[in-house]
């Protein structure tokens, strides 16, 4: 799986990038045929609470699945995005099994 990380309006640290790659890689346990994962990190209105916007787009055969969360930290956002994506992947996997 290819993981692409985009940080908008700031530079993501090495530690944050490693954290993201580790978390997103766990999605392969839920669904093996993931070809791409794209993570976008954005700081919205700096100096306010809940200003870190995290989005995760996963490409699976024939479809793209998308999740977006807004939190206080990017780590929290990634955790929530990965959890939500696991649910979507599980539903997608069940749909494809029935076909």
Protein backbone atom coordinates (compact mmCIF):
# COMPACT_ATOMS: atom_id res chain seq x y z
CA UNK A 1 0.00 0.00 0.00
CA UNK A 2 1.25 3.44 -0.96
CA UNK A 3 0.74 6.10 1.76
CA UNK A 4 0.85 9.76 0.72
CA UNK A 5 0.88 12.47 3.39
CA UNK A 6 0.06 16.10 2.59
CA UNK A 7 0.42 18.78 5.24
CA UNK A 8 -1.26 22.06 4.29
CA UNK A 9 -0.12 25.38 5.86
CA UNK A 10 2.59 23.68 7.99
CA UNK A 11 5.40 21.09 7.86
CA UNK A 12 4.64 17.69 9.40
CA UNK A 13 7.38 16.37 11.68
CA UNK A 14 9.13 13.04 11.05
CA UNK A 15 7.53 11.68 14.20
CA UNK A 16 4.02 12.61 13.00
CA UNK A 17 4.65 11.09 9.55
CA UNK A 18 5.89 7.83 11.11
CA UNK A 19 2.84 7.76 13.40
CA UNK A 20 0.50 8.22 10.41
CA UNK A 21 2.22 5.53 8.33
CA UNK A 22 2.08 3.07 11.23
CA UNK A 23 -1.63 3.70 11.89
CA UNK A 24 -2.69 3.66 8.22
CA UNK A 25 -0.73 0.45 7.58
CA UNK A 26 -3.01 -1.30 10.09
CA UNK A 27 -5.92 -0.81 7.67
CA UNK A 28 -4.47 -3.63 5.55
CA UNK A 29 -5.49 -6.07 8.29
CA UNK A 30 -9.12 -5.07 7.67
CA UNK A 31 -8.95 -5.09 3.85
CA UNK A 32 -5.96 -6.44 1.89
CA UNK A 33 -6.62 -4.89 -1.54
CA UNK A 34 -5.92 -1.26 -0.61
CA UNK A 35 -3.78 0.28 -3.35
CA UNK A 36 -3.40 3.87 -2.05
CA UNK A 37 -4.00 5.83 1.12
CA UNK A 38 -3.87 9.62 1.08
CA UNK A 39 -3.77 11.60 4.30
CA UNK A 40 -4.35 15.35 4.34
CA UNK A 41 -3.50 17.41 7.40
CA UNK A 42 -4.73 20.98 7.60
CA UNK A 43 -4.60 23.67 10.29
CA UNK A 44 -7.82 25.67 10.21
CA UNK A 45 -8.03 29.07 11.90
CA UNK A 46 -4.87 28.79 14.03
CA UNK A 47 -5.08 29.47 17.78
CA UNK A 48 -8.53 27.94 18.30
CA UNK A 49 -9.49 24.60 19.83
CA UNK A 50 -10.49 21.84 17.42
CA UNK A 51 -8.43 23.41 14.61
CA UNK A 52 -6.67 20.32 13.19
CA UNK A 53 -8.49 18.87 10.19
CA UNK A 54 -7.48 15.34 9.18
CA UNK A 55 -8.81 13.54 6.12
CA UNK A 56 -8.09 10.01 4.92
CA UNK A 57 -8.87 8.74 1.44
CA UNK A 58 -8.36 5.07 0.66
CA UNK A 59 -8.43 3.63 -2.86
CA UNK A 60 -9.86 0.12 -3.11
CA UNK A 61 -10.71 -1.76 -6.33
CA UNK A 62 -13.39 0.27 -8.12
CA UNK A 63 -13.97 2.83 -5.38
CA UNK A 64 -12.52 5.52 -3.12
CA UNK A 65 -13.51 5.70 0.54
CA UNK A 66 -13.20 9.01 2.40
CA UNK A 67 -13.20 10.07 6.07
CA UNK A 68 -12.66 13.53 7.58
CA UNK A 69 -12.33 14.50 11.25
CA UNK A 70 -11.57 17.75 13.12
CA UNK A 71 -9.76 17.47 16.46
CA UNK A 72 -7.32 19.19 18.83
CA UNK A 73 -4.33 17.12 17.64
CA UNK A 74 -3.44 15.37 14.40
CA UNK A 75 -2.73 12.16 16.31
CA UNK A 76 -6.27 12.12 17.68
CA UNK A 77 -7.61 12.92 14.20
CA UNK A 78 -5.65 10.06 12.63
CA UNK A 79 -6.90 7.63 15.30
CA UNK A 80 -10.52 8.64 14.64
CA UNK A 81 -10.08 8.56 10.85
CA UNK A 82 -8.50 5.10 10.92
CA UNK A 83 -11.29 3.77 13.18
CA UNK A 84 -13.98 5.22 10.92
CA UNK A 85 -12.21 3.87 7.83
CA UNK A 86 -12.09 0.37 9.35
CA UNK A 87 -15.89 0.48 9.61
CA UNK A 88 -16.20 1.60 5.97
CA UNK A 89 -13.75 -1.05 4.77
CA UNK A 90 -15.61 -3.78 6.68
CA UNK A 91 -18.91 -2.72 5.08
CA UNK A 92 -17.27 -2.54 1.64
CA UNK A 93 -15.74 -5.99 2.13
CA UNK A 94 -19.13 -7.47 3.07
CA UNK A 95 -20.73 -5.87 -0.01
CA UNK A 96 -18.11 -7.27 -2.36
CA UNK A 97 -18.41 -10.72 -0.78
CA UNK A 98 -22.14 -10.82 -1.53
CA UNK A 99 -21.61 -10.08 -5.22
